[in-house]
């Protein structure tokens, strides 16, 4: 990533409970596939956060955490769902030129 802003500049900090992973549906896990985003030197935090929110419906806080992971760890699992949903989300994320992979869990 080209910049490393704080989450506060993008999102209002709130305490949020994690979803119950036993729930089913797009993005809730347990559907067998994940979307992984890999770091590059081209995209900014803003670009990655915006596309993650658009593709996965996540909050700004979650998008910031996932973008931080991409930047500092080299990659991040950004979505859990069935294969079709993961392919849909990955195709949206790819539009900004970042490497994305869909894998079976």
N, C-alpha and C. Protein backbone atom coordinates (compact mmCIF):
# COMPACT_ATOMS: atom_id res chain seq x y z
N UNK A 1 0.84 -1.17 0.00
CA UNK A 1 0.00 0.00 0.00
C UNK A 1 0.89 1.24 0.00
N UNK A 2 0.40 2.28 -0.57
CA UNK A 2 1.20 3.49 -0.67
C UNK A 2 1.11 4.38 0.55
N UNK A 3 0.03 4.33 1.30
CA UNK A 3 -0.09 5.15 2.50
C UNK A 3 -0.58 4.30 3.64
N UNK A 4 -0.40 4.76 4.86
CA UNK A 4 -0.82 4.01 6.04
C UNK A 4 -1.56 4.93 7.00
N UNK A 5 -2.77 5.34 6.65
CA UNK A 5 -3.52 6.22 7.54
C UNK A 5 -4.12 5.44 8.69
N UNK A 6 -4.54 6.15 9.70
CA UNK A 6 -5.22 5.49 10.82
C UNK A 6 -6.67 5.26 10.44
N UNK A 7 -7.27 4.29 11.09
CA UNK A 7 -8.68 3.99 10.83
C UNK A 7 -9.55 5.19 11.15
N UNK A 8 -9.18 5.95 12.15
CA UNK A 8 -10.00 7.08 12.57
C UNK A 8 -10.24 8.07 11.44
N UNK A 9 -9.31 8.15 10.50
CA UNK A 9 -9.51 9.07 9.39
C UNK A 9 -10.51 8.53 8.37
N UNK A 10 -10.91 7.27 8.49
CA UNK A 10 -11.84 6.67 7.54
C UNK A 10 -13.14 6.19 8.18
N UNK A 11 -13.10 5.90 9.45
CA UNK A 11 -14.28 5.29 10.04
C UNK A 11 -14.44 5.72 11.48
N UNK A 12 -15.66 5.72 11.91
CA UNK A 12 -15.95 6.04 13.29
C UNK A 12 -15.75 4.76 14.10
N UNK A 13 -14.97 4.85 15.14
CA UNK A 13 -14.65 3.67 15.93
C UNK A 13 -15.85 3.29 16.80
N UNK A 14 -16.26 2.05 16.69
CA UNK A 14 -17.33 1.51 17.51
C UNK A 14 -16.95 0.12 17.95
N UNK A 15 -17.52 -0.33 19.04
CA UNK A 15 -17.32 -1.70 19.48
C UNK A 15 -18.36 -2.54 18.76
N UNK A 16 -17.90 -3.62 18.18
CA UNK A 16 -18.78 -4.43 17.37
C UNK A 16 -18.56 -5.90 17.74
N UNK A 17 -19.65 -6.63 17.96
CA UNK A 17 -19.54 -8.04 18.23
C UNK A 17 -19.30 -8.78 16.93
N UNK A 18 -18.47 -9.82 16.98
CA UNK A 18 -18.22 -10.63 15.79
C UNK A 18 -19.46 -11.45 15.47
N UNK A 19 -19.70 -11.73 14.18
CA UNK A 19 -20.88 -12.52 13.84
C UNK A 19 -20.73 -13.95 14.33
N UNK A 20 -21.84 -14.59 14.58
CA UNK A 20 -21.84 -15.99 14.97
C UNK A 20 -21.49 -16.80 13.72
N UNK A 21 -20.36 -17.50 13.75
CA UNK A 21 -19.90 -18.22 12.58
C UNK A 21 -20.79 -19.41 12.24
N UNK A 22 -21.72 -19.74 13.11
CA UNK A 22 -22.65 -20.82 12.80
C UNK A 22 -23.76 -20.34 11.87
N UNK A 23 -23.91 -19.03 11.74
CA UNK A 23 -24.90 -18.49 10.81
C UNK A 23 -24.47 -18.83 9.39
N UNK A 24 -25.41 -18.95 8.49
CA UNK A 24 -25.10 -19.23 7.09
C UNK A 24 -25.45 -18.01 6.25
N UNK A 25 -24.85 -17.93 5.08
CA UNK A 25 -25.14 -16.83 4.17
C UNK A 25 -23.85 -16.18 3.74
N UNK A 26 -23.91 -15.33 2.72
CA UNK A 26 -22.71 -14.69 2.19
C UNK A 26 -21.92 -13.96 3.25
N UNK A 27 -20.64 -14.27 3.31
CA UNK A 27 -19.74 -13.57 4.20
C UNK A 27 -19.75 -14.04 5.63
N UNK A 28 -20.61 -15.01 5.99
CA UNK A 28 -20.69 -15.42 7.38
C UNK A 28 -19.82 -16.62 7.70
N UNK A 29 -19.17 -17.18 6.71
CA UNK A 29 -18.30 -18.33 6.95
C UNK A 29 -19.07 -19.63 6.85
N UNK A 30 -18.32 -20.72 6.82
CA UNK A 30 -18.93 -22.02 6.78
C UNK A 30 -19.44 -22.44 5.41
N UNK A 31 -19.18 -21.66 4.38
CA UNK A 31 -19.66 -21.98 3.05
C UNK A 31 -18.57 -22.58 2.16
N UNK A 32 -17.37 -22.73 2.70
CA UNK A 32 -16.34 -23.49 2.01
C UNK A 32 -15.32 -22.74 1.19
N UNK A 33 -15.50 -21.45 0.93
CA UNK A 33 -14.56 -20.71 0.10
C UNK A 33 -14.19 -19.38 0.76
N UNK A 34 -13.01 -18.88 0.40
CA UNK A 34 -12.54 -17.59 0.90
C UNK A 34 -11.98 -16.76 -0.25
N UNK A 35 -12.01 -15.45 -0.07
CA UNK A 35 -11.37 -14.50 -0.99
C UNK A 35 -10.14 -13.95 -0.28
N UNK A 36 -9.00 -14.04 -0.95
CA UNK A 36 -7.74 -13.54 -0.39
C UNK A 36 -7.24 -12.41 -1.28
N UNK A 37 -6.87 -11.29 -0.64
CA UNK A 37 -6.32 -10.13 -1.35
C UNK A 37 -4.85 -10.02 -0.99
N UNK A 38 -4.00 -9.76 -2.00
CA UNK A 38 -2.56 -9.68 -1.82
C UNK A 38 -2.06 -8.24 -1.99
N UNK A 39 -1.00 -7.92 -1.28
CA UNK A 39 -0.43 -6.58 -1.29
C UNK A 39 0.20 -6.25 -2.65
N UNK A 40 0.24 -4.97 -2.95
CA UNK A 40 1.00 -4.44 -4.09
C UNK A 40 1.44 -3.02 -3.74
N UNK A 41 2.22 -2.42 -4.61
CA UNK A 41 2.71 -1.06 -4.38
C UNK A 41 1.88 -0.01 -5.13
N UNK A 42 0.81 -0.44 -5.76
CA UNK A 42 0.02 0.45 -6.60
C UNK A 42 -1.16 1.09 -5.86
N UNK A 43 -1.95 0.28 -5.16
CA UNK A 43 -3.19 0.76 -4.60
C UNK A 43 -3.00 1.44 -3.24
N UNK A 44 -3.84 2.42 -2.98
CA UNK A 44 -3.82 3.13 -1.71
C UNK A 44 -4.78 2.45 -0.73
N UNK A 45 -4.65 2.80 0.55
CA UNK A 45 -5.59 2.31 1.56
C UNK A 45 -7.01 2.67 1.16
N UNK A 46 -7.21 3.90 0.72
CA UNK A 46 -8.55 4.37 0.36
C UNK A 46 -9.16 3.50 -0.73
N UNK A 47 -8.38 3.21 -1.78
CA UNK A 47 -8.87 2.40 -2.89
C UNK A 47 -9.26 0.99 -2.43
N UNK A 48 -8.39 0.38 -1.63
CA UNK A 48 -8.64 -0.98 -1.18
C UNK A 48 -9.85 -1.02 -0.24
N UNK A 49 -9.91 -0.09 0.70
CA UNK A 49 -11.05 -0.05 1.62
C UNK A 49 -12.37 0.12 0.87
N UNK A 50 -12.40 1.04 -0.06
CA UNK A 50 -13.63 1.30 -0.81
C UNK A 50 -14.09 0.07 -1.59
N UNK A 51 -13.14 -0.62 -2.24
CA UNK A 51 -13.54 -1.78 -3.05
C UNK A 51 -13.95 -2.95 -2.16
N UNK A 52 -13.32 -3.10 -0.99
CA UNK A 52 -13.72 -4.17 -0.07
C UNK A 52 -15.14 -3.94 0.43
N UNK A 53 -15.46 -2.70 0.77
CA UNK A 53 -16.82 -2.39 1.24
C UNK A 53 -17.84 -2.64 0.13
N UNK A 54 -17.50 -2.26 -1.08
CA UNK A 54 -18.40 -2.45 -2.21
C UNK A 54 -18.58 -3.94 -2.52
N UNK A 55 -17.48 -4.69 -2.53
CA UNK A 55 -17.53 -6.10 -2.95
C UNK A 55 -18.10 -7.03 -1.89
N UNK A 56 -17.84 -6.73 -0.62
CA UNK A 56 -18.23 -7.67 0.43
C UNK A 56 -19.31 -7.15 1.37
N UNK A 57 -19.59 -5.85 1.29
CA UNK A 57 -20.60 -5.28 2.18
C UNK A 57 -20.11 -5.09 3.61
N UNK A 58 -18.80 -5.14 3.81
CA UNK A 58 -18.25 -4.99 5.16
C UNK A 58 -18.29 -3.52 5.60
N UNK A 59 -18.09 -3.33 6.90
CA UNK A 59 -18.05 -1.98 7.45
C UNK A 59 -16.71 -1.32 7.14
N UNK A 60 -16.63 -0.02 7.37
CA UNK A 60 -15.37 0.70 7.19
C UNK A 60 -14.31 0.18 8.15
N UNK A 61 -14.71 -0.16 9.37
CA UNK A 61 -13.76 -0.69 10.35
C UNK A 61 -13.16 -2.01 9.88
N UNK A 62 -14.02 -2.91 9.40
CA UNK A 62 -13.53 -4.20 8.91
C UNK A 62 -12.64 -4.01 7.68
N UNK A 63 -13.04 -3.13 6.78
CA UNK A 63 -12.23 -2.86 5.59
C UNK A 63 -10.86 -2.31 5.97
N UNK A 64 -10.82 -1.43 6.98
CA UNK A 64 -9.54 -0.89 7.41
C UNK A 64 -8.65 -1.99 7.99
N UNK A 65 -9.21 -2.87 8.82
CA UNK A 65 -8.43 -3.96 9.42
C UNK A 65 -7.89 -4.88 8.33
N UNK A 66 -8.73 -5.25 7.38
CA UNK A 66 -8.29 -6.13 6.29
C UNK A 66 -7.24 -5.46 5.41
N UNK A 67 -7.40 -4.17 5.16
CA UNK A 67 -6.41 -3.44 4.37
C UNK A 67 -5.08 -3.36 5.11
N UNK A 68 -5.13 -3.14 6.42
CA UNK A 68 -3.91 -3.14 7.24
C UNK A 68 -3.22 -4.50 7.14
N UNK A 69 -3.99 -5.59 7.22
CA UNK A 69 -3.42 -6.94 7.10
C UNK A 69 -2.75 -7.13 5.75
N UNK A 70 -3.40 -6.68 4.68
CA UNK A 70 -2.81 -6.78 3.34
C UNK A 70 -1.48 -6.04 3.31
N UNK A 71 -1.46 -4.84 3.85
CA UNK A 71 -0.26 -4.00 3.84
C UNK A 71 0.86 -4.58 4.70
N UNK A 72 0.54 -5.02 5.89
CA UNK A 72 1.57 -5.44 6.84
C UNK A 72 1.88 -6.94 6.82
N UNK A 73 0.92 -7.76 6.39
CA UNK A 73 1.14 -9.21 6.38
C UNK A 73 1.27 -9.77 4.97
N UNK A 74 1.02 -8.94 3.97
CA UNK A 74 1.16 -9.36 2.59
C UNK A 74 -0.11 -9.90 1.96
N UNK A 75 -1.09 -10.26 2.80
CA UNK A 75 -2.36 -10.76 2.29
C UNK A 75 -3.38 -10.77 3.42
N UNK A 76 -4.65 -10.90 3.02
CA UNK A 76 -5.72 -10.98 4.02
C UNK A 76 -6.89 -11.75 3.43
N UNK A 77 -7.50 -12.60 4.25
CA UNK A 77 -8.77 -13.23 3.88
C UNK A 77 -9.84 -12.18 4.13
N UNK A 78 -10.53 -11.77 3.07
CA UNK A 78 -11.48 -10.66 3.18
C UNK A 78 -12.94 -11.08 3.07
N UNK A 79 -13.19 -12.35 2.75
CA UNK A 79 -14.58 -12.80 2.58
C UNK A 79 -14.64 -14.31 2.71
N UNK A 80 -15.69 -14.79 3.35
CA UNK A 80 -15.99 -16.22 3.48
C UNK A 80 -17.39 -16.42 2.92
N UNK A 81 -17.55 -17.35 1.99
CA UNK A 81 -18.87 -17.61 1.42
C UNK A 81 -18.79 -18.84 0.53
N UNK A 82 -19.86 -19.08 -0.23
CA UNK A 82 -19.85 -20.13 -1.24
C UNK A 82 -19.01 -19.70 -2.42
N UNK A 83 -18.74 -20.65 -3.31
CA UNK A 83 -17.86 -20.37 -4.44
C UNK A 83 -18.39 -19.24 -5.34
N UNK A 84 -19.67 -19.28 -5.69
CA UNK A 84 -20.21 -18.24 -6.58
C UNK A 84 -20.12 -16.85 -5.96
N UNK A 85 -20.45 -16.74 -4.68
CA UNK A 85 -20.37 -15.44 -3.98
C UNK A 85 -18.94 -14.96 -3.90
N UNK A 86 -18.01 -15.85 -3.62
CA UNK A 86 -16.60 -15.45 -3.55
C UNK A 86 -16.08 -15.02 -4.91
N UNK A 87 -16.46 -15.73 -5.96
CA UNK A 87 -16.04 -15.33 -7.33
C UNK A 87 -16.62 -13.97 -7.68
N UNK A 88 -17.87 -13.70 -7.26
CA UNK A 88 -18.49 -12.40 -7.52
C UNK A 88 -17.72 -11.28 -6.82
N UNK A 89 -17.43 -11.49 -5.53
CA UNK A 89 -16.69 -10.48 -4.77
C UNK A 89 -15.29 -10.27 -5.34
N UNK A 90 -14.62 -11.37 -5.69
CA UNK A 90 -13.26 -11.27 -6.24
C UNK A 90 -13.25 -10.51 -7.56
N UNK A 91 -14.26 -10.72 -8.39
CA UNK A 91 -14.29 -10.01 -9.68
C UNK A 91 -14.44 -8.51 -9.49
N UNK A 92 -15.15 -8.09 -8.45
CA UNK A 92 -15.27 -6.66 -8.16
C UNK A 92 -13.94 -6.12 -7.63
N UNK A 93 -13.32 -6.83 -6.71
CA UNK A 93 -12.05 -6.38 -6.13
C UNK A 93 -10.97 -6.26 -7.21
N UNK A 94 -10.95 -7.19 -8.15
CA UNK A 94 -9.94 -7.17 -9.23
C UNK A 94 -10.01 -5.91 -10.10
N UNK A 95 -11.13 -5.22 -10.09
CA UNK A 95 -11.28 -4.05 -10.96
C UNK A 95 -10.29 -2.94 -10.64
N UNK A 96 -9.69 -2.96 -9.43
CA UNK A 96 -8.71 -1.92 -9.11
C UNK A 96 -7.28 -2.39 -9.37
N UNK A 97 -7.13 -3.59 -9.96
CA UNK A 97 -5.81 -4.06 -10.36
C UNK A 97 -5.02 -4.76 -9.26
N UNK A 98 -5.68 -5.16 -8.20
CA UNK A 98 -5.00 -5.85 -7.11
C UNK A 98 -5.18 -7.36 -7.29
N UNK A 99 -4.16 -8.15 -6.87
CA UNK A 99 -4.23 -9.60 -7.00
C UNK A 99 -5.20 -10.17 -5.98
N UNK A 100 -6.11 -11.02 -6.48
CA UNK A 100 -7.14 -11.64 -5.65
C UNK A 100 -7.19 -13.12 -6.01
N UNK A 101 -7.43 -13.94 -5.00
CA UNK A 101 -7.53 -15.38 -5.20
C UNK A 101 -8.76 -15.91 -4.46
N UNK A 102 -9.47 -16.85 -5.08
CA UNK A 102 -10.55 -17.56 -4.42
C UNK A 102 -10.06 -18.96 -4.17
N UNK A 103 -10.14 -19.41 -2.90
CA UNK A 103 -9.66 -20.74 -2.51
C UNK A 103 -10.73 -21.45 -1.70
N UNK A 104 -10.68 -22.77 -1.79
CA UNK A 104 -11.53 -23.58 -0.93
C UNK A 104 -10.88 -23.62 0.45
N UNK A 105 -11.70 -23.50 1.51
CA UNK A 105 -11.16 -23.52 2.87
C UNK A 105 -10.64 -24.89 3.23
